Amino acid sequence: MLGVSVDSPFANGAYALELGLSFPLLGDFPWGRTGKAWGILNEERGITARMTYVIDGEGIVRHIIDSPRDFNSHPEGALEFIKTM
């Protein structure tokens, strides 16, 4: 598991510590290339949509969670889906 954010490496590190994340939080900073590639970058605002993708070992997207305001639905939904795989 890993996360990707458009924030700076410093901000990502602080956020990961604050949440006690046990996985890497990668930076898509400053150009947002990952967000552009996935079609979720709002270049005007410099932010990406809050999305979670469950990708299997073969690189196939198996599940997508698109809930910009319900932060808990992302980890809970991803874990619930992974249990069914």
PDB file of N, CA and C in Angstrom:
ATOM      1  N   MET A   1       0.847  -1.157   0.000  1.00  0.00           N
ATOM      2  CA  MET A   1       0.000   0.000   0.000  1.00  0.00           C
ATOM      3  C   MET A   1       0.899   1.228   0.000  1.00  0.00           C
ATOM      4  N   LEU A   2       0.432   2.269  -0.696  1.00  0.00           N
ATOM      5  CA  LEU A   2       1.123   3.554  -0.670  1.00  0.00           C
ATOM      6  C   LEU A   2       0.136   4.647  -0.998  1.00  0.00           C
ATOM      7  N   GLY A   3       0.505   5.843  -0.669  1.00  0.00           N
ATOM      8  CA  GLY A   3      -0.326   7.001  -0.958  1.00  0.00           C
ATOM      9  C   GLY A   3       0.445   7.978  -1.820  1.00  0.00           C
ATOM     10  N   VAL A   4      -0.278   8.804  -2.548  1.00  0.00           N
ATOM     11  CA  VAL A   4       0.331   9.838  -3.380  1.00  0.00           C
ATOM     12  C   VAL A   4      -0.412  11.135  -3.112  1.00  0.00           C
ATOM     13  N   SER A   5       0.335  12.209  -2.911  1.00  0.00           N
ATOM     14  CA  SER A   5      -0.247  13.516  -2.634  1.00  0.00           C
ATOM     15  C   SER A   5       0.473  14.585  -3.434  1.00  0.00           C
ATOM     16  N   VAL A   6      -0.234  15.654  -3.772  1.00  0.00           N
ATOM     17  CA  VAL A   6       0.387  16.772  -4.485  1.00  0.00           C
ATOM     18  C   VAL A   6       1.136  17.697  -3.534  1.00  0.00           C
ATOM     19  N   ASP A   7       1.091  17.406  -2.253  1.00  0.00           N
ATOM     20  CA  ASP A   7       1.780  18.249  -1.279  1.00  0.00           C
ATOM     21  C   ASP A   7       3.287  18.015  -1.315  1.00  0.00           C
ATOM     22  N   SER A   8       4.020  18.923  -0.679  1.00  0.00           N
ATOM     23  CA  SER A   8       5.479  18.827  -0.640  1.00  0.00           C
ATOM     24  C   SER A   8       5.908  17.626   0.204  1.00  0.00           C
ATOM     25  N   PRO A   9       7.135  17.146   0.004  1.00  0.00           N
ATOM     26  CA  PRO A   9       7.632  16.044   0.834  1.00  0.00           C
ATOM     27  C   PRO A   9       7.570  16.363   2.328  1.00  0.00           C
ATOM     28  N   PHE A  10       7.855  17.612   2.712  1.00  0.00           N
ATOM     29  CA  PHE A  10       7.792  18.004   4.116  1.00  0.00           C
ATOM     30  C   PHE A  10       6.374  17.855   4.663  1.00  0.00           C
ATOM     31  N   ALA A  11       5.393  18.368   3.904  1.00  0.00           N
ATOM     32  CA  ALA A  11       3.988  18.277   4.330  1.00  0.00           C
ATOM     33  C   ALA A  11       3.537  16.823   4.393  1.00  0.00           C
ATOM     34  N   ASN A  12       3.940  16.021   3.407  1.00  0.00           N
ATOM     35  CA  ASN A  12       3.572  14.604   3.413  1.00  0.00           C
ATOM     36  C   ASN A  12       4.143  13.884   4.625  1.00  0.00           C
ATOM     37  N   GLY A  13       5.399  14.188   4.962  1.00  0.00           N
ATOM     38  CA  GLY A  13       6.022  13.555   6.115  1.00  0.00           C
ATOM     39  C   GLY A  13       5.293  13.901   7.405  1.00  0.00           C
ATOM     40  N   ALA A  14       4.946  15.163   7.563  1.00  0.00           N
ATOM     41  CA  ALA A  14       4.223  15.598   8.764  1.00  0.00           C
ATOM     42  C   ALA A  14       2.848  14.951   8.827  1.00  0.00           C
ATOM     43  N   TYR A  15       2.168  14.878   7.693  1.00  0.00           N
ATOM     44  CA  TYR A  15       0.835  14.285   7.633  1.00  0.00           C
ATOM     45  C   TYR A  15       0.901  12.791   7.953  1.00  0.00           C
ATOM     46  N   ALA A  16       1.886  12.100   7.401  1.00  0.00           N
ATOM     47  CA  ALA A  16       2.050  10.667   7.663  1.00  0.00           C
ATOM     48  C   ALA A  16       2.313  10.421   9.144  1.00  0.00           C
ATOM     49  N   LEU A  17       3.136  11.256   9.764  1.00  0.00           N
ATOM     50  CA  LEU A  17       3.404  11.116  11.197  1.00  0.00           C
ATOM     51  C   LEU A  17       2.149  11.383  12.019  1.00  0.00           C
ATOM     52  N   GLU A  18       1.423  12.426  11.653  1.00  0.00           N
ATOM     53  CA  GLU A  18       0.208  12.791  12.379  1.00  0.00           C
ATOM     54  C   GLU A  18      -0.822  11.659  12.356  1.00  0.00           C
ATOM     55  N   LEU A  19      -0.936  11.000  11.202  1.00  0.00           N
ATOM     56  CA  LEU A  19      -1.918   9.921  11.060  1.00  0.00           C
ATOM     57  C   LEU A  19      -1.378   8.559  11.493  1.00  0.00           C
ATOM     58  N   GLY A  20      -0.059   8.487  11.713  1.00  0.00           N
ATOM     59  CA  GLY A  20       0.544   7.209  12.076  1.00  0.00           C
ATOM     60  C   GLY A  20       0.493   6.204  10.936  1.00  0.00           C
ATOM     61  N   LEU A  21       0.704   6.689   9.704  1.00  0.00           N
ATOM     62  CA  LEU A  21       0.631   5.806   8.544  1.00  0.00           C
ATOM     63  C   LEU A  21       1.741   4.763   8.575  1.00  0.00           C
ATOM     64  N   SER A  22       1.398   3.559   8.176  1.00  0.00           N
ATOM     65  CA  SER A  22       2.387   2.476   8.139  1.00  0.00           C
ATOM     66  C   SER A  22       2.802   2.168   6.706  1.00  0.00           C
ATOM     67  N   PHE A  23       2.533   3.106   5.793  1.00  0.00           N
ATOM     68  CA  PHE A  23       2.901   2.932   4.387  1.00  0.00           C
ATOM     69  C   PHE A  23       3.455   4.253   3.868  1.00  0.00           C
ATOM     70  N   PRO A  24       4.219   4.191   2.776  1.00  0.00           N
ATOM     71  CA  PRO A  24       4.803   5.420   2.234  1.00  0.00           C
ATOM     72  C   PRO A  24       3.747   6.365   1.677  1.00  0.00           C
ATOM     73  N   LEU A  25       3.969   7.644   1.867  1.00  0.00           N
ATOM     74  CA  LEU A  25       3.147   8.688   1.271  1.00  0.00           C
ATOM     75  C   LEU A  25       4.055   9.443   0.305  1.00  0.00           C
ATOM     76  N   LEU A  26       3.880   9.170  -0.974  1.00  0.00           N
ATOM     77  CA  LEU A  26       4.748   9.723  -2.008  1.00  0.00           C
ATOM     78  C   LEU A  26       4.284  11.105  -2.424  1.00  0.00           C
ATOM     79  N   GLY A  27       5.223  11.930  -2.848  1.00  0.00           N
ATOM     80  CA  GLY A  27       4.906  13.280  -3.276  1.00  0.00           C
ATOM     81  C   GLY A  27       4.808  13.392  -4.782  1.00  0.00           C
ATOM     82  N   ASP A  28       3.762  14.019  -5.265  1.00  0.00           N
ATOM     83  CA  ASP A  28       3.573  14.313  -6.684  1.00  0.00           C
ATOM     84  C   ASP A  28       3.827  15.803  -6.871  1.00  0.00           C
ATOM     85  N   PHE A  29       4.891  16.261  -6.263  1.00  0.00           N
ATOM     86  CA  PHE A  29       5.195  17.680  -6.140  1.00  0.00           C
ATOM     87  C   PHE A  29       6.488  17.986  -6.875  1.00  0.00           C
ATOM     88  N   PRO A  30       6.645  19.042  -7.599  1.00  0.00           N
ATOM     89  CA  PRO A  30       5.704  20.143  -7.740  1.00  0.00           C
ATOM     90  C   PRO A  30       4.895  20.097  -9.039  1.00  0.00           C
ATOM     91  N   TRP A  31       5.100  19.093  -9.885  1.00  0.00           N
ATOM     92  CA  TRP A  31       4.478  19.138 -11.204  1.00  0.00           C
ATOM     93  C   TRP A  31       3.169  18.367 -11.328  1.00  0.00           C
ATOM     94  N   GLY A  32       2.827  17.507 -10.395  1.00  0.00           N
ATOM     95  CA  GLY A  32       1.559  16.788 -10.447  1.00  0.00           C
ATOM     96  C   GLY A  32       1.444  15.794 -11.585  1.00  0.00           C
ATOM     97  N   ARG A  33       2.566  15.193 -11.956  1.00  0.00           N
ATOM     98  CA  ARG A  33       2.552  14.277 -13.110  1.00  0.00           C
ATOM     99  C   ARG A  33       1.660  13.057 -12.888  1.00  0.00           C
ATOM    100  N   THR A  34       1.645  12.529 -11.670  1.00  0.00           N
ATOM    101  CA  THR A  34       0.795  11.369 -11.395  1.00  0.00           C
ATOM    102  C   THR A  34      -0.667  11.769 -11.496  1.00  0.00           C
ATOM    103  N   GLY A  35      -1.029  12.878 -10.898  1.00  0.00           N
ATOM    104  CA  GLY A  35      -2.401  13.368 -10.982  1.00  0.00           C
ATOM    105  C   GLY A  35      -2.830  13.622 -12.417  1.00  0.00           C
ATOM    106  N   LYS A  36      -1.926  14.178 -13.222  1.00  0.00           N
ATOM    107  CA  LYS A  36      -2.232  14.401 -14.639  1.00  0.00           C
ATOM    108  C   LYS A  36      -2.453  13.069 -15.344  1.00  0.00           C
ATOM    109  N   ALA A  37      -1.568  12.115 -15.093  1.00  0.00           N
ATOM    110  CA  ALA A  37      -1.661  10.812 -15.762  1.00  0.00           C
ATOM    111  C   ALA A  37      -2.969  10.097 -15.441  1.00  0.00           C
ATOM    112  N   TRP A  38      -3.462  10.270 -14.224  1.00  0.00           N
ATOM    113  CA  TRP A  38      -4.703   9.612 -13.802  1.00  0.00           C
ATOM    114  C   TRP A  38      -5.935  10.465 -14.089  1.00  0.00           C
ATOM    115  N   GLY A  39      -5.723  11.681 -14.616  1.00  0.00           N
ATOM    116  CA  GLY A  39      -6.848  12.552 -14.977  1.00  0.00           C
ATOM    117  C   GLY A  39      -7.588  13.138 -13.794  1.00  0.00           C
ATOM    118  N   ILE A  40      -6.879  13.326 -12.661  1.00  0.00           N
ATOM    119  CA  ILE A  40      -7.551  13.839 -11.462  1.00  0.00           C
ATOM    120  C   ILE A  40      -6.949  15.149 -10.953  1.00  0.00           C
ATOM    121  N   LEU A  41      -6.022  15.731 -11.708  1.00  0.00           N
ATOM    122  CA  LEU A  41      -5.384  16.984 -11.287  1.00  0.00           C
ATOM    123  C   LEU A  41      -6.180  18.182 -11.773  1.00  0.00           C
ATOM    124  N   ASN A  42      -6.488  19.080 -10.860  1.00  0.00           N
ATOM    125  CA  ASN A  42      -7.078  20.367 -11.205  1.00  0.00           C
ATOM    126  C   ASN A  42      -5.905  21.335 -11.261  1.00  0.00           C
ATOM    127  N   GLU A  43      -5.379  21.567 -12.467  1.00  0.00           N
ATOM    128  CA  GLU A  43      -4.167  22.382 -12.617  1.00  0.00           C
ATOM    129  C   GLU A  43      -4.368  23.820 -12.158  1.00  0.00           C
ATOM    130  N   GLU A  44      -5.547  24.355 -12.346  1.00  0.00           N
ATOM    131  CA  GLU A  44      -5.824  25.730 -11.947  1.00  0.00           C
ATOM    132  C   GLU A  44      -5.673  25.904 -10.435  1.00  0.00           C
ATOM    133  N   ARG A  45      -6.159  24.933  -9.670  1.00  0.00           N
ATOM    134  CA  ARG A  45      -6.103  25.009  -8.202  1.00  0.00           C
ATOM    135  C   ARG A  45      -4.877  24.306  -7.622  1.00  0.00           C
ATOM    136  N   GLY A  46      -4.179  23.490  -8.430  1.00  0.00           N
ATOM    137  CA  GLY A  46      -3.000  22.782  -7.945  1.00  0.00           C
ATOM    138  C   GLY A  46      -3.326  21.654  -6.978  1.00  0.00           C
ATOM    139  N   ILE A  47      -4.516  21.070  -7.137  1.00  0.00           N
ATOM    140  CA  ILE A  47      -4.924  19.973  -6.261  1.00  0.00           C
ATOM    141  C   ILE A  47      -5.452  18.815  -7.096  1.00  0.00           C
ATOM    142  N   THR A  48      -5.503  17.651  -6.476  1.00  0.00           N
ATOM    143  CA  THR A  48      -6.094  16.494  -7.137  1.00  0.00           C
ATOM    144  C   THR A  48      -7.381  16.115  -6.424  1.00  0.00           C
ATOM    145  N   ALA A  49      -8.213  15.362  -7.123  1.00  0.00           N
ATOM    146  CA  ALA A  49      -9.419  14.823  -6.510  1.00  0.00           C
ATOM    147  C   ALA A  49      -8.991  13.800  -5.457  1.00  0.00           C
ATOM    148  N   ARG A  50      -9.765  13.663  -4.396  1.00  0.00           N
ATOM    149  CA  ARG A  50      -9.477  12.661  -3.368  1.00  0.00           C
ATOM    150  C   ARG A  50      -9.995  11.323  -3.879  1.00  0.00           C
ATOM    151  N   MET A  51      -9.068  10.494  -4.323  1.00  0.00           N
ATOM    152  CA  MET A  51      -9.409   9.202  -4.915  1.00  0.00           C
ATOM    153  C   MET A  51      -8.566   8.109  -4.264  1.00  0.00           C
ATOM    154  N   THR A  52      -9.147   6.932  -4.156  1.00  0.00           N
ATOM    155  CA  THR A  52      -8.408   5.753  -3.713  1.00  0.00           C
ATOM    156  C   THR A  52      -8.608   4.675  -4.763  1.00  0.00           C
ATOM    157  N   TYR A  53      -7.495   4.092  -5.200  1.00  0.00           N
ATOM    158  CA  TYR A  53      -7.531   3.013  -6.177  1.00  0.00           C
ATOM    159  C   TYR A  53      -6.980   1.762  -5.526  1.00  0.00           C
ATOM    160  N   VAL A  54      -7.684   0.653  -5.675  1.00  0.00           N
ATOM    161  CA  VAL A  54      -7.155  -0.642  -5.249  1.00  0.00           C
ATOM    162  C   VAL A  54      -6.623  -1.293  -6.524  1.00  0.00           C
ATOM    163  N   ILE A  55      -5.314  -1.508  -6.554  1.00  0.00           N
ATOM    164  CA  ILE A  55      -4.641  -2.050  -7.736  1.00  0.00           C
ATOM    165  C   ILE A  55      -4.034  -3.386  -7.357  1.00  0.00           C
ATOM    166  N   ASP A  56      -4.287  -4.413  -8.166  1.00  0.00           N
ATOM    167  CA  ASP A  56      -3.775  -5.739  -7.833  1.00  0.00           C
ATOM    168  C   ASP A  56      -2.305  -5.884  -8.234  1.00  0.00           C
ATOM    169  N   GLY A  57      -1.737  -7.037  -7.956  1.00  0.00           N
ATOM    170  CA  GLY A  57      -0.328  -7.300  -8.226  1.00  0.00           C
ATOM    171  C   GLY A  57       0.042  -7.265  -9.694  1.00  0.00           C
ATOM    172  N   GLU A  58      -0.961  -7.336 -10.575  1.00  0.00           N
ATOM    173  CA  GLU A  58      -0.711  -7.284 -12.018  1.00  0.00           C
ATOM    174  C   GLU A  58      -0.892  -5.875 -12.566  1.00  0.00           C
ATOM    175  N   GLY A  59      -1.183  -4.915 -11.679  1.00  0.00           N
ATOM    176  CA  GLY A  59      -1.340  -3.530 -12.095  1.00  0.00           C
ATOM    177  C   GLY A  59      -2.725  -3.186 -12.607  1.00  0.00           C
ATOM    178  N   ILE A  60      -3.714  -4.035 -12.328  1.00  0.00           N
ATOM    179  CA  ILE A  60      -5.083  -3.792 -12.783  1.00  0.00           C
ATOM    180  C   ILE A  60      -5.875  -3.096 -11.671  1.00  0.00           C
ATOM    181  N   VAL A  61      -6.530  -1.978 -12.015  1.00  0.00           N
ATOM    182  CA  VAL A  61      -7.372  -1.273 -11.050  1.00  0.00           C
ATOM    183  C   VAL A  61      -8.611  -2.132 -10.811  1.00  0.00           C
ATOM    184  N   ARG A  62      -8.800  -2.547  -9.564  1.00  0.00           N
ATOM    185  CA  ARG A  62      -9.914  -3.420  -9.209  1.00  0.00           C
ATOM    186  C   ARG A  62     -11.063  -2.683  -8.521  1.00  0.00           C
ATOM    187  N   HIS A  63     -10.759  -1.521  -7.928  1.00  0.00           N
ATOM    188  CA  HIS A  63     -11.789  -0.803  -7.181  1.00  0.00           C
ATOM    189  C   HIS A  63     -11.384   0.659  -7.065  1.00  0.00           C
ATOM    190  N   ILE A  64     -12.364   1.562  -7.140  1.00  0.00           N
ATOM    191  CA  ILE A  64     -12.113   3.003  -7.017  1.00  0.00           C
ATOM    192  C   ILE A  64     -13.064   3.577  -5.978  1.00  0.00           C
ATOM    193  N   ILE A  65     -12.506   4.397  -5.097  1.00  0.00           N
ATOM    194  CA  ILE A  65     -13.327   5.116  -4.118  1.00  0.00           C
ATOM    195  C   ILE A  65     -13.159   6.600  -4.413  1.00  0.00           C
ATOM    196  N   ASP A  66     -14.268   7.249  -4.730  1.00  0.00           N
ATOM    197  CA  ASP A  66     -14.277   8.673  -5.063  1.00  0.00           C
ATOM    198  C   ASP A  66     -15.237   9.362  -4.106  1.00  0.00           C
ATOM    199  N   SER A  67     -14.691   9.828  -2.994  1.00  0.00           N
ATOM    200  CA  SER A  67     -15.503  10.486  -1.984  1.00  0.00           C
ATOM    201  C   SER A  67     -14.689  11.650  -1.421  1.00  0.00           C
ATOM    202  N   PRO A  68     -14.874  12.852  -1.972  1.00  0.00           N
ATOM    203  CA  PRO A  68     -14.021  13.970  -1.589  1.00  0.00           C
ATOM    204  C   PRO A  68     -14.130  14.422  -0.141  1.00  0.00           C
ATOM    205  N   ARG A  69     -15.259  14.184   0.509  1.00  0.00           N
ATOM    206  CA  ARG A  69     -15.429  14.704   1.862  1.00  0.00           C
ATOM    207  C   ARG A  69     -15.448  13.632   2.945  1.00  0.00           C
ATOM    208  N   ASP A  70     -15.776  12.398   2.589  1.00  0.00           N
ATOM    209  CA  ASP A  70     -15.852  11.315   3.574  1.00  0.00           C
ATOM    210  C   ASP A  70     -14.501  10.609   3.654  1.00  0.00           C
ATOM    211  N   PHE A  71     -13.608  11.159   4.472  1.00  0.00           N
ATOM    212  CA  PHE A  71     -12.244  10.644   4.557  1.00  0.00           C
ATOM    213  C   PHE A  71     -12.191   9.195   5.020  1.00  0.00           C
ATOM    214  N   ASN A  72     -13.067   8.806   5.925  1.00  0.00           N
ATOM    215  CA  ASN A  72     -13.045   7.439   6.456  1.00  0.00           C
ATOM    216  C   ASN A  72     -13.451   6.396   5.431  1.00  0.00           C
ATOM    217  N   SER A  73     -14.216   6.789   4.427  1.00  0.00           N
ATOM    218  CA  SER A  73     -14.665   5.813   3.436  1.00  0.00           C
ATOM    219  C   SER A  73     -13.507   5.265   2.614  1.00  0.00           C
ATOM    220  N   HIS A  74     -12.416   6.003   2.519  1.00  0.00           N
ATOM    221  CA  HIS A  74     -11.288   5.553   1.698  1.00  0.00           C
ATOM    222  C   HIS A  74     -10.581   4.344   2.314  1.00  0.00           C
ATOM    223  N   PRO A  75     -10.022   4.453   3.511  1.00  0.00           N
ATOM    224  CA  PRO A  75      -9.346   3.266   4.067  1.00  0.00           C
ATOM    225  C   PRO A  75     -10.322   2.137   4.377  1.00  0.00           C
ATOM    226  N   GLU A  76     -11.494   2.481   4.908  1.00  0.00           N
ATOM    227  CA  GLU A  76     -12.468   1.444   5.254  1.00  0.00           C
ATOM    228  C   GLU A  76     -12.956   0.724   4.003  1.00  0.00           C
ATOM    229  N   GLY A  77     -13.282   1.477   2.961  1.00  0.00           N
ATOM    230  CA  GLY A  77     -13.765   0.884   1.717  1.00  0.00           C
ATOM    231  C   GLY A  77     -12.704   0.051   1.025  1.00  0.00           C
ATOM    232  N   ALA A  78     -11.464   0.544   1.036  1.00  0.00           N
ATOM    233  CA  ALA A  78     -10.373  -0.206   0.398  1.00  0.00           C
ATOM    234  C   ALA A  78     -10.124  -1.517   1.129  1.00  0.00           C
ATOM    235  N   LEU A  79     -10.070  -1.468   2.454  1.00  0.00           N
ATOM    236  CA  LEU A  79      -9.833  -2.690   3.223  1.00  0.00           C
ATOM    237  C   LEU A  79     -10.979  -3.684   3.058  1.00  0.00           C
ATOM    238  N   GLU A  80     -12.200  -3.183   3.044  1.00  0.00           N
ATOM    239  CA  GLU A  80     -13.361  -4.051   2.854  1.00  0.00           C
ATOM    240  C   GLU A  80     -13.283  -4.751   1.493  1.00  0.00           C
ATOM    241  N   PHE A  81     -12.930  -3.999   0.452  1.00  0.00           N
ATOM    242  CA  PHE A  81     -12.822  -4.586  -0.868  1.00  0.00           C
ATOM    243  C   PHE A  81     -11.686  -5.609  -0.945  1.00  0.00           C
ATOM    244  N   ILE A  82     -10.539  -5.256  -0.359  1.00  0.00           N
ATOM    245  CA  ILE A  82      -9.384  -6.160  -0.390  1.00  0.00           C
ATOM    246  C   ILE A  82      -9.715  -7.502   0.250  1.00  0.00           C
ATOM    247  N   LYS A  83     -10.512  -7.482   1.290  1.00  0.00           N
ATOM    248  CA  LYS A  83     -10.907  -8.734   1.958  1.00  0.00           C
ATOM    249  C   LYS A  83     -11.694  -9.651   1.028  1.00  0.00           C
ATOM    250  N   THR A  84     -12.359  -9.075   0.016  1.00  0.00           N
ATOM    251  CA  THR A  84     -13.143  -9.888  -0.918  1.00  0.00           C
ATOM    252  C   THR A  84     -12.316 -10.429  -2.072  1.00  0.00           C
ATOM    253  N   MET A  85     -11.110  -9.921  -2.241  1.00  0.00           N
ATOM    254  CA  MET A  85     -10.263 -10.346  -3.370  1.00  0.00           C
ATOM    255  C   MET A  85      -9.716 -11.746  -3.142  1.00  0.00           C
TER     256      MET A  85
END
